[in-house]
Each structure stands twice: as structure tokens, then as C-alpha cells.
Protein backbone atom coordinates (compact mmCIF):
# COMPACT_ATOMS: atom_id res chain seq x y z
CA UNK A 1 19.89 6.98 -14.64
CA UNK A 2 16.78 4.74 -15.16
CA UNK A 3 14.40 4.96 -18.06
CA UNK A 4 11.07 3.00 -17.70
CA UNK A 5 9.83 2.49 -21.21
CA UNK A 6 6.24 2.24 -22.79
CA UNK A 7 4.41 1.72 -19.94
CA UNK A 8 0.75 2.48 -18.34
CA UNK A 9 1.93 5.30 -16.17
CA UNK A 10 -0.63 6.05 -13.57
CA UNK A 11 -2.31 9.75 -14.18
CA UNK A 12 -0.43 9.71 -17.46
CA UNK A 13 -1.18 7.08 -19.90
CA UNK A 14 1.38 5.25 -21.88
CA UNK A 15 4.58 7.22 -21.47
CA UNK A 16 8.01 6.65 -20.48
CA UNK A 17 9.57 7.63 -17.16
CA UNK A 18 13.13 8.82 -16.71
CA UNK A 19 14.70 8.59 -13.17
CA UNK A 20 18.01 10.85 -12.40
CA UNK A 21 19.48 11.13 -8.83
CA UNK A 22 16.49 9.44 -7.28
CA UNK A 23 13.90 11.87 -8.75
CA UNK A 24 11.40 11.55 -11.37
CA UNK A 25 12.64 14.27 -13.93
CA UNK A 26 10.35 13.53 -16.83
CA UNK A 27 7.41 11.92 -17.95
CA UNK A 28 6.61 11.77 -21.58
CA UNK A 29 6.30 9.82 -25.09
CA UNK A 30 9.86 8.72 -26.64
CA UNK A 31 12.28 9.77 -24.15
CA UNK A 32 15.82 9.17 -25.95
CA UNK A 33 17.97 6.49 -24.37
CA UNK A 34 21.31 7.50 -23.58
CA UNK A 35 24.42 5.36 -23.27
CA UNK A 36 25.04 3.94 -19.74
CA UNK A 37 21.23 4.05 -18.91
CA UNK A 38 19.30 1.42 -17.04
CA UNK A 39 16.24 0.74 -19.15
CA UNK A 40 13.31 -1.32 -18.17
CA UNK A 41 10.70 -1.99 -21.20
CA UNK A 42 7.38 -1.62 -19.23
CA UNK A 43 5.06 -2.67 -22.36
CA UNK A 44 2.17 -3.92 -21.23
CA UNK A 45 2.88 -3.16 -17.60
CA UNK A 46 1.36 -0.47 -15.05
CA UNK A 47 3.98 2.03 -13.63
CA UNK A 48 2.54 3.48 -10.27
CA UNK A 49 3.63 4.95 -7.19
CA UNK A 50 5.27 2.47 -4.97
CA UNK A 51 2.81 0.95 -2.14
CA UNK A 52 2.63 2.84 1.18
CA UNK A 53 1.63 0.55 4.01
CA UNK A 54 0.38 2.16 7.21
CA UNK A 55 0.30 -1.01 9.16
CA UNK A 56 3.39 -3.56 9.62
CA UNK A 57 5.00 -5.34 12.18
CA UNK A 58 8.93 -6.05 11.74
CA UNK A 59 9.55 -7.03 15.21
CA UNK A 60 12.74 -4.98 15.50
CA UNK A 61 13.78 -4.58 18.44
CA UNK A 62 13.16 -7.74 20.47
CA UNK A 63 11.56 -10.27 18.20
CA UNK A 64 14.13 -10.59 15.37
CA UNK A 65 13.63 -14.49 15.08
CA UNK A 66 10.23 -13.52 13.49
CA UNK A 67 11.34 -10.66 11.33
CA UNK A 68 13.75 -7.55 11.27
CA UNK A 69 13.69 -4.38 9.71
CA UNK A 70 16.01 -5.62 6.87
CA UNK A 71 14.11 -8.81 6.33
CA UNK A 72 10.97 -6.96 6.42
CA UNK A 73 12.08 -4.28 3.74
CA UNK A 74 12.86 -7.02 1.26
CA UNK A 75 9.70 -8.35 1.74
CA UNK A 76 8.11 -5.27 1.16
CA UNK A 77 10.08 -4.32 -1.89
CA UNK A 78 9.09 -8.06 -3.26
CA UNK A 79 5.60 -6.67 -2.83
CA UNK A 80 5.50 -3.45 -4.43
CA UNK A 81 5.68 -1.57 -0.98
CA UNK A 82 8.49 1.58 -0.99
CA UNK A 83 6.92 2.72 2.53
CA UNK A 84 6.26 1.13 5.68
CA UNK A 85 4.63 2.12 8.93
CA UNK A 86 5.79 -0.06 12.06
CA UNK A 87 3.91 -0.64 14.92
CA UNK A 88 5.38 -0.18 18.47
CA UNK A 89 4.74 -3.51 20.00
CA UNK A 90 8.42 -4.43 19.91
CA UNK A 91 10.66 -5.20 22.90
CA UNK A 92 11.40 -2.83 24.46
CA UNK A 93 8.09 -0.89 23.03
CA UNK A 94 8.63 1.91 21.08
CA UNK A 95 7.08 4.28 23.80
CA UNK A 96 10.18 6.63 24.31
CA UNK A 97 12.46 8.41 22.09
CA UNK A 98 15.73 6.11 22.50
CA UNK A 99 13.82 3.43 20.99
CA UNK A 100 12.11 5.44 18.05
CA UNK A 101 15.66 6.79 17.41
CA UNK A 102 17.35 3.39 17.30
CA UNK A 103 14.23 2.27 14.80
CA UNK A 104 15.35 5.19 12.86
CA UNK A 105 18.93 4.51 12.68
CA UNK A 106 18.35 1.14 11.54
CA UNK A 107 16.07 1.81 8.94
CA UNK A 108 18.65 3.99 7.12
CA UNK A 109 19.92 0.21 5.94
CA UNK A 110 16.87 -0.84 5.01
CA UNK A 111 15.88 -1.08 0.83
CA UNK A 112 12.64 0.86 1.37
CA UNK A 113 11.63 3.52 3.61
CA UNK A 114 10.54 2.56 7.08
CA UNK A 115 8.78 4.83 9.43
CA UNK A 116 8.11 4.18 13.04
CA UNK A 117 4.98 4.50 15.10
CA UNK A 118 5.44 5.57 18.69
CA UNK A 119 3.09 4.00 21.49
CA UNK A 120 0.22 6.22 22.85
CA UNK A 121 0.38 4.71 26.43
CA UNK A 122 3.55 3.51 28.26
CA UNK A 123 4.32 0.23 27.59
CA UNK A 124 1.25 -0.11 25.50
CA UNK A 125 -0.47 -0.82 29.02
CA UNK A 126 -3.59 1.74 28.66
CA UNK A 127 -2.71 3.72 31.99
CA UNK A 128 -0.22 6.47 31.14
CA UNK A 129 0.48 8.48 28.13
CA UNK A 130 3.69 8.78 26.57
CA UNK A 131 5.83 12.12 25.78
CA UNK A 132 4.20 12.89 22.17
CA UNK A 133 6.45 15.71 21.70
CA UNK A 134 9.66 13.78 22.50
CA UNK A 135 8.16 10.65 20.22
CA UNK A 136 7.65 13.05 17.40
CA UNK A 137 11.09 14.97 17.33
CA UNK A 138 12.58 11.34 17.62
CA UNK A 139 11.03 10.49 14.43
CA UNK A 140 7.61 8.65 15.07
CA UNK A 141 5.06 9.63 12.30
CA UNK A 142 1.94 8.55 14.30
CA UNK A 143 0.78 6.78 17.65
CA UNK A 144 -0.84 3.65 18.42
CA UNK A 145 -1.23 1.04 21.18
CA UNK A 146 -1.82 -1.22 18.34
CA UNK A 147 -3.27 -4.73 19.71
CA UNK A 148 -3.85 -3.00 22.92
CA UNK A 149 -6.62 -0.91 22.57
CA UNK A 150 -6.96 1.73 24.99
CA UNK A 151 -9.96 0.59 27.12
CA UNK A 152 -10.22 3.80 29.28
CA UNK A 153 -12.25 6.56 27.06
CA UNK A 154 -11.09 9.05 29.33
CA UNK A 155 -7.61 8.45 28.73
CA UNK A 156 -8.36 7.87 25.03
CA UNK A 157 -10.28 11.23 25.03
CA UNK A 158 -7.05 12.66 26.62
CA UNK A 159 -4.72 11.14 24.30
CA UNK A 160 -6.84 12.80 21.58
CA UNK A 161 -6.62 16.11 22.72
CA UNK A 162 -2.75 16.12 23.12
CA UNK A 163 -2.48 14.79 19.50
CA UNK A 164 -4.33 17.64 18.63
CA UNK A 165 -1.84 19.92 20.29
CA UNK A 166 0.99 18.06 18.52
CA UNK A 167 -0.58 17.61 15.10
CA UNK A 168 -0.28 13.92 15.47
CA UNK A 169 -2.15 11.03 14.23
CA UNK A 170 -3.75 8.31 16.32
CA UNK A 171 -3.94 5.01 14.81
CA UNK A 172 -6.61 2.94 16.83
CA UNK A 173 -7.03 -0.87 17.18
CA UNK A 174 -10.66 -0.82 17.96
CA UNK A 175 -11.71 -3.88 20.27
CA UNK A 176 -13.55 -4.11 23.72
CA UNK A 177 -11.05 -6.55 25.34
CA UNK A 178 -13.68 -7.48 28.15
CA UNK A 179 -15.61 -8.75 25.18
CA UNK A 180 -12.85 -9.71 23.00
CA UNK A 181 -11.10 -11.58 25.42
CA UNK A 182 -8.27 -13.03 23.10
CA UNK A 183 -10.51 -15.39 21.79
CA UNK A 184 -8.99 -17.19 18.46
CA UNK A 185 -12.03 -17.15 15.71
CA UNK A 186 -15.40 -14.71 14.97
CA UNK A 187 -18.17 -15.63 17.08
CA UNK A 188 -20.49 -17.43 14.90
CA UNK A 189 -21.15 -20.64 12.85
CA UNK A 190 -17.30 -21.75 13.01
CA UNK A 191 -16.90 -20.75 16.65
CA UNK A 192 -19.96 -23.28 17.25
CA UNK A 193 -18.57 -25.86 15.01
CA UNK A 194 -15.23 -25.85 16.81
CA UNK A 195 -16.79 -25.74 19.98
CA UNK A 196 -14.71 -22.63 21.21
CA UNK A 197 -15.89 -19.33 22.44
CA UNK A 198 -16.03 -16.45 19.48
CA UNK A 199 -14.76 -13.27 19.24
CA UNK A 200 -17.75 -10.99 18.41
CA UNK A 201 -18.22 -8.38 15.96
CA UNK A 202 -19.49 -6.26 18.16
CA UNK A 203 -16.06 -5.80 20.24
CA UNK A 204 -14.91 -4.38 17.35
CA UNK A 205 -17.87 -1.91 16.48
CA UNK A 206 -18.17 -0.73 19.97
CA UNK A 207 -14.82 0.74 20.01
CA UNK A 208 -15.18 2.01 16.67
CA UNK A 209 -18.31 3.96 17.10
CA UNK A 210 -16.60 5.40 20.54
CA UNK A 211 -13.33 6.39 19.25
CA UNK A 212 -15.35 8.06 16.15
CA UNK A 213 -17.49 10.17 18.61
CA UNK A 214 -14.04 11.02 20.62
CA UNK A 215 -12.42 12.23 17.53
CA UNK A 216 -15.59 14.18 16.60
CA UNK A 217 -15.44 15.59 20.05
CA UNK A 218 -11.81 16.47 20.33
CA UNK A 219 -11.04 17.19 16.53
CA UNK A 220 -8.24 14.56 16.34
CA UNK A 221 -7.09 13.00 13.49
CA UNK A 222 -8.15 9.57 13.92
CA UNK A 223 -7.19 6.51 11.71
CA UNK A 224 -8.94 3.48 12.44
CA UNK A 225 -7.27 0.12 11.49
CA UNK A 226 -7.84 -3.24 9.85
CA UNK A 227 -11.62 -2.80 9.76
CA UNK A 228 -13.56 -6.01 9.72
CA UNK A 229 -17.07 -5.85 10.16
CA UNK A 230 -20.02 -4.67 8.24
CA UNK A 231 -21.62 -2.55 11.09
CA UNK A 232 -18.14 -0.70 11.68
CA UNK A 233 -18.04 0.20 7.66
CA UNK A 234 -21.43 1.90 8.62
CA UNK A 235 -20.36 3.52 11.49
CA UNK A 236 -17.33 4.79 10.06
CA UNK A 237 -19.32 6.20 7.00
CA UNK A 238 -22.16 7.99 9.13
CA UNK A 239 -19.13 9.26 11.30
CA UNK A 240 -17.33 10.77 7.77
CA UNK A 241 -20.84 12.29 6.66
CA UNK A 242 -20.94 14.08 10.39
CA UNK A 243 -17.95 15.54 9.69
CA UNK A 244 -15.42 13.63 12.06
CA UNK A 245 -11.95 13.74 10.95
CA UNK A 246 -11.28 9.94 10.40
CA UNK A 247 -9.81 7.52 8.01
CA UNK A 248 -9.78 3.93 8.28
CA UNK A 249 -8.08 0.83 6.54
CA UNK A 250 -8.87 -2.74 5.87
CA UNK A 251 -6.38 -5.79 4.86
CA UNK A 252 -6.77 -8.25 1.77
CA UNK A 253 -7.69 -10.87 4.09
CA UNK A 254 -10.81 -8.95 5.21
CA UNK A 255 -12.14 -8.76 1.40
CA UNK A 256 -10.80 -12.15 0.54
CA UNK A 257 -11.27 -14.55 3.06
CA UNK A 258 -14.10 -15.62 5.54
CA UNK A 259 -13.95 -17.35 9.06
CA UNK A 260 -14.61 -20.71 6.85
CA UNK A 261 -10.87 -20.63 6.37
CA UNK A 262 -10.30 -21.49 10.17
CA UNK A 263 -11.65 -24.72 9.23
CA UNK A 264 -9.25 -25.53 6.40
CA UNK A 265 -5.99 -24.32 7.85
CA UNK A 266 -6.37 -23.76 11.26
CA UNK A 267 -4.12 -21.13 13.26
CA UNK A 268 -2.77 -19.98 9.58
CA UNK A 269 -6.03 -18.24 9.54
CA UNK A 270 -6.17 -16.79 13.07
CA UNK A 271 -6.02 -13.17 13.17
CA UNK A 272 -6.72 -9.98 15.14
CA UNK A 273 -9.64 -9.20 14.45
CA UNK A 274 -10.85 -12.33 13.06
CA UNK A 275 -11.89 -13.39 9.55
CA UNK A 276 -15.57 -12.72 9.48
CA UNK A 277 -18.67 -13.64 7.41
CA UNK A 278 -19.25 -13.45 3.67
CA UNK A 279 -21.60 -10.58 4.17
CA UNK A 280 -18.87 -8.85 6.13
CA UNK A 281 -16.67 -9.33 3.09
CA UNK A 282 -19.02 -7.81 0.90
CA UNK A 283 -19.80 -4.72 3.22
CA UNK A 284 -15.88 -4.30 3.32
CA UNK A 285 -15.66 -4.29 -0.49
CA UNK A 286 -18.55 -1.91 -0.62
CA UNK A 287 -16.68 0.53 1.72
CA UNK A 288 -13.52 0.30 -0.38
CA UNK A 289 -15.51 1.00 -3.82
CA UNK A 290 -17.16 4.31 -2.03
CA UNK A 291 -14.16 5.60 -0.21
CA UNK A 292 -15.36 4.90 3.24
CA UNK A 293 -12.33 2.96 3.70
CA UNK A 294 -9.31 4.78 2.77
CA UNK A 295 -6.58 2.51 2.61
CA UNK A 296 -5.68 -1.13 2.17
CA UNK A 297 -2.82 -2.49 4.95
CA UNK A 298 -1.52 -5.44 5.58
CA UNK A 299 -0.90 -5.67 9.12
CA UNK A 300 2.12 -7.75 7.91
CA UNK A 301 2.55 -9.78 11.02
CA UNK A 302 5.33 -12.57 11.22
CA UNK A 303 5.54 -15.60 13.55
CA UNK A 304 7.75 -18.57 13.82
CA UNK A 305 6.52 -21.94 12.74
CA UNK A 306 6.87 -23.26 16.17
CA UNK A 307 4.45 -20.49 17.30
CA UNK A 308 1.77 -21.10 14.42
CA UNK A 309 1.87 -25.02 15.32
CA UNK A 310 0.23 -24.41 18.89
CA UNK A 311 -3.21 -25.37 19.30
CA UNK A 312 -5.80 -22.70 17.84
CA UNK A 313 -6.65 -21.27 21.32
CA UNK A 314 -3.03 -20.92 22.33
CA UNK A 315 -1.27 -19.73 18.88
CA UNK A 316 -0.30 -15.99 18.32
CA UNK A 317 -2.72 -14.09 16.01
CA UNK A 318 -1.57 -12.76 12.76
CA UNK A 319 -0.51 -13.51 8.89
CA UNK A 320 2.29 -12.16 6.88
CA UNK A 321 0.86 -9.93 3.55
CA UNK A 322 3.59 -7.58 2.32
CA UNK A 323 4.53 -10.02 -0.65
CA UNK A 324 1.13 -10.83 -1.70
CA UNK A 325 -1.14 -7.81 -0.71
CA UNK A 326 -0.99 -6.05 -4.47
CA UNK A 327 -1.76 -9.11 -5.97
CA UNK A 328 -4.80 -10.03 -3.76
CA UNK A 329 -6.47 -6.56 -4.38
CA UNK A 330 -6.01 -6.99 -7.95
CA UNK A 331 -7.40 -10.51 -7.82
CA UNK A 332 -10.42 -10.08 -5.67
CA UNK A 333 -11.21 -6.27 -6.67
CA UNK A 334 -9.64 -5.19 -10.08
CA UNK A 335 -10.31 -8.93 -11.74
CA UNK A 336 -13.89 -9.18 -10.34
CA UNK A 337 -14.80 -5.68 -11.85
CA UNK A 338 -15.23 -3.82 -8.51
CA UNK A 339 -12.47 -1.21 -8.47
CA UNK A 340 -10.05 0.12 -11.25
CA UNK A 341 -6.46 -0.43 -10.98
CA UNK A 342 -5.98 3.57 -10.50
CA UNK A 343 -8.63 3.03 -7.49
CA UNK A 344 -6.54 0.23 -6.03
CA UNK A 345 -3.49 2.15 -6.48
CA UNK A 346 -4.99 4.99 -4.64
CA UNK A 347 -6.35 2.95 -1.70
CA UNK A 348 -2.50 1.25 -1.59
CA UNK A 349 -0.47 4.50 -2.21
CA UNK A 350 -1.81 7.79 -2.62
CA UNK A 351 -4.56 7.95 0.06
CA UNK A 352 -1.79 6.22 2.66
CA UNK A 353 0.78 8.62 1.99
CA UNK A 354 -1.83 11.51 2.32
CA UNK A 355 -2.80 10.01 5.88
CA UNK A 356 0.98 9.69 7.30
CA UNK A 357 2.40 12.77 5.60
CA UNK A 358 -0.89 15.20 6.21
CA UNK A 359 -1.33 15.72 2.59
CA UNK A 360 2.29 16.74 1.63
CA UNK A 361 2.46 13.82 -0.90
CA UNK A 362 6.31 13.30 -0.48
CA UNK A 363 6.11 9.67 0.01
CA UNK A 364 4.77 9.19 -3.32
CA UNK A 365 5.95 10.37 -6.89
CA UNK A 366 4.20 13.08 -8.99
CA UNK A 367 4.17 11.64 -12.44
CA UNK A 368 4.07 14.96 -13.72
CA UNK A 369 6.02 16.14 -17.17
CA UNK A 370 6.60 19.47 -15.55
CA UNK A 371 7.68 19.34 -12.22
CA UNK A 372 10.20 16.85 -10.90
CA UNK A 373 8.78 14.67 -7.95
CA UNK A 374 10.34 14.78 -4.34
CA UNK A 375 11.36 10.90 -4.96
CA UNK A 376 11.17 8.02 -7.24
CA UNK A 377 9.27 5.41 -5.35
CA UNK A 378 7.97 3.17 -8.10
CA UNK A 379 6.21 -0.41 -8.68
CA UNK A 380 6.23 -1.81 -12.10
CA UNK A 381 3.19 -4.54 -12.15
CA UNK A 382 1.82 -7.21 -14.48
CA UNK A 383 -1.84 -6.79 -13.69
CA UNK A 384 -2.80 -9.90 -15.53
CA UNK A 385 0.20 -12.26 -14.80
CA UNK A 386 -0.79 -15.58 -12.78
CA UNK A 387 1.13 -16.80 -10.33
CA UNK A 388 0.88 -19.33 -7.32
CA UNK A 389 1.64 -18.14 -3.84
CA UNK A 390 4.98 -20.36 -2.91
CA UNK A 391 5.93 -19.15 0.67
CA UNK A 392 9.34 -20.63 0.62
CA UNK A 393 10.21 -18.34 -1.72
CA UNK A 394 9.29 -15.17 0.49
CA UNK A 395 11.95 -12.68 1.31
CA UNK A 396 10.47 -12.39 4.96
CA UNK A 397 11.63 -14.78 7.55
CA UNK A 398 8.20 -15.78 8.39
CA UNK A 399 6.08 -18.14 6.35
CA UNK A 400 2.83 -17.97 8.27
CA UNK A 401 0.19 -16.75 5.52
CA UNK A 402 -3.17 -18.20 4.60
CA UNK A 403 -2.76 -17.80 1.06
CA UNK A 404 -0.05 -20.64 0.52
CA UNK A 405 -0.87 -22.79 -2.92
CA UNK A 406 -3.33 -19.88 -3.94
CA UNK A 407 -3.31 -18.84 -7.79
CA UNK A 408 -3.22 -14.94 -7.88
CA UNK A 409 -3.58 -12.67 -11.09
CA UNK A 410 -1.03 -9.65 -10.89
CA UNK A 411 2.65 -9.70 -10.36
CA UNK A 412 5.24 -7.16 -9.30
CA UNK A 413 7.91 -7.09 -11.88
CA UNK A 414 10.10 -4.02 -10.25
CA UNK A 415 10.07 -2.37 -7.23
CA UNK A 416 12.04 1.11 -7.38
CA UNK A 417 12.82 2.67 -3.88
CA UNK A 418 14.54 6.42 -3.95
CA UNK A 419 15.39 5.92 -7.73
CA UNK A 420 17.15 2.69 -7.50
CA UNK A 421 15.81 -1.04 -8.36
CA UNK A 422 15.55 -3.25 -5.43
CA UNK A 423 17.01 -6.87 -6.43
């Protein structure tokens, strides 16, 4: 048994939390300590549902030199994340039941829950739809072609229609490939200073608008990944007001960094979509505050040091984020007065769980004094503790973070996955 004492419990005030058999069985004041209990003194700490990350890359199978399911899950636990959703851009691509089943099988060894996405198209090539029913039966919790945005509007429309038939979520990376062309940085002041072609904001916004319209027309459940521009936020806001069944996520880099970071640290700040301008950052924060953006995910994208050492136009895009996401949200949203801790937890745990589970809430605990939870996935953190990001201490295999050396406020003390403290 596990007893968490005197914490500030999400939705319940200062209370104790008793965990038995992987379930939360009691939330109340002054729960008696029995012999043999593991006791956590959470005085001054927040006790909240474990974070649910809708967008990670664990590179397994095929690219395990960057990350694998086990090391990725350890990195997740270090950041308070108890459920991760893996993108299908593996080798082979998770576009068939056999690959999905192999991921599900290996995930049984992970210290947190790992849920796979299946590809929308065969090989993520944007030509032929996969077998949605088979992917779902194998354990895929959603569908995405991730970085390979589906360019053919008719194919995307048919994918949404088929996803409706199978009651599946489509997660869309929104970029027009002809405009974006895999350019390394945002089109603007920094691209001009570096004398490099830029990746325009309109490349994202056109596809956000297209997919929002298709979702409204088909009735499909659509989740828009890593929103990065002000106009994208406004398009999503208007689509929601019009009744489209859309949710959206952003990532900490899009509310904490601008394109200027590329001038300071080069390839460590290369990510798709690219870091944008300060006005885009302000709009992303506003979208989080008013609920237009439902979730904060990491797009945890590990790469080797050799890959990130390539010249900026040649280096792969992506940064890791599982071990810093909560601290970045607290630093840039809570400690700036933009959002409450409860709202941050809603964007990082409650809403993501609802998006991926269609509202059954089974991924997050119910801190309810009368009804046991289905799980005890919990993060205990100090919202005020200052610490310096040291990538050499990460649990991830990768070190490609733009936040190295930064001081953040908010530190995970304990992660409890399915009732057990993750060491």
C-alpha cells in the first residue's frame, strides 16, 4: 500500500491519498498509517493525475539508437508522464497489425503506459489508406501520418469518413509540403539573416483550415498536432465555434521560445513546425488560456548527437521534451500568472485523456473519496522548486534539447504509475 500525506490534491484540496492494488481507494484527511505502508510526505507539494502525452516518438522499432520504448518510458516517468502515445514513423512503419502488436507487446515492459498510433496511409506515403479496423483491433488508439502530412484532400476526406465508421481519432500534422519543402527555419527575420529559405506560417495554416473544413463536413474526430502560429489558433477557434469536432495541441517550445533561438543554438532549435515569432507565442498562450488549444504535448523527438551536429539545412528536425514539459509549463504559464496549476493539469492530463479515450477517463485517476479510481497514475511535484536543466542527467538516450542550462521552476518529486513509484 502507498499513502500520500498532506498534499494539495487536484480537485480535493489538502488531503491524503491511499493507494492499494494499483487503485486510489481513499482520499480524505488524516488517513491512518498502517505498518508496512510506503508513505510519501507531500506537504507543500501538488498531487495530480499523471500527465498524458499525446505526441511522442520512441523510435521503436527501427531507430533504437535514438530511443526505445523502455528508455522513453523512463524519460516520461522522470517528467511526471504516466501515459505516452507513440507516433507510427518507425521502421517498419506502424501501418499494419503486426507492427502495432509488437509495440503493444514491448510496451508491457515499460514503466508507464505506452499506447501506439497507427498510420493513416501505407508507409505514410499518402497514397493508400491502411486497414483501420485491423489497426484498431491490434491496439492502435488513433491514426496519424505524423510528419508526412496527407497532401491529397480527397484521400484525407476518405480517411476521415472511414475513421468515423470505426470511431477512430485522426491526428494531423498540418503542413503543405510544397510550401514547407523541409526548410529548416521559419520564414522571416531569422531565415533572412541566415540567408536560408524559410518555412512559412501559411504552410501550416492552409492545412489547418483544410482539415478543419473536412472534419466539419465528415463529422470526423480530428486532433491537430503541434499548433505553432497565431492564425492557426484563430482558424481552430472559429472551427470549434462552428461546431467542428476538433481538438488541438501545442508544445512547450511554442509558448516558450521564438525563432531567435536558432541564432543561439543552431540545430538544437530546429523543429517541425519551426519556432515562430513572439506574436505567435503570445497567440499560442492565449489559445491555451481560453481553451482553443486543448492539450500540451511534447513531440518528444530524440536524435543522436552526430545527426544534430550536421549543418542546419541537413540536420533532422526535433527536440526531446518529456523531462522538461511540466516545468516549462509551470515556468512560462503558471509563474507568469497566465494559467492556474489546475488549468495546466487539465491541458496536460485531463483533456489529453479525454481526447484519446473518448471521455471515459480511464487513463487518469479520480481523486474521489467515495469511488475508487480505475488506476493510480499520479505525479507529485513542487511547483516552486528551481532547477537547472542538465541533459547529461536525462533518462532519455538523447540530449537534443534547446533548454540545456536553463533555470526552470517546478520539479517532479514522484511519479506513480499503476500504483507503483517509478524509481
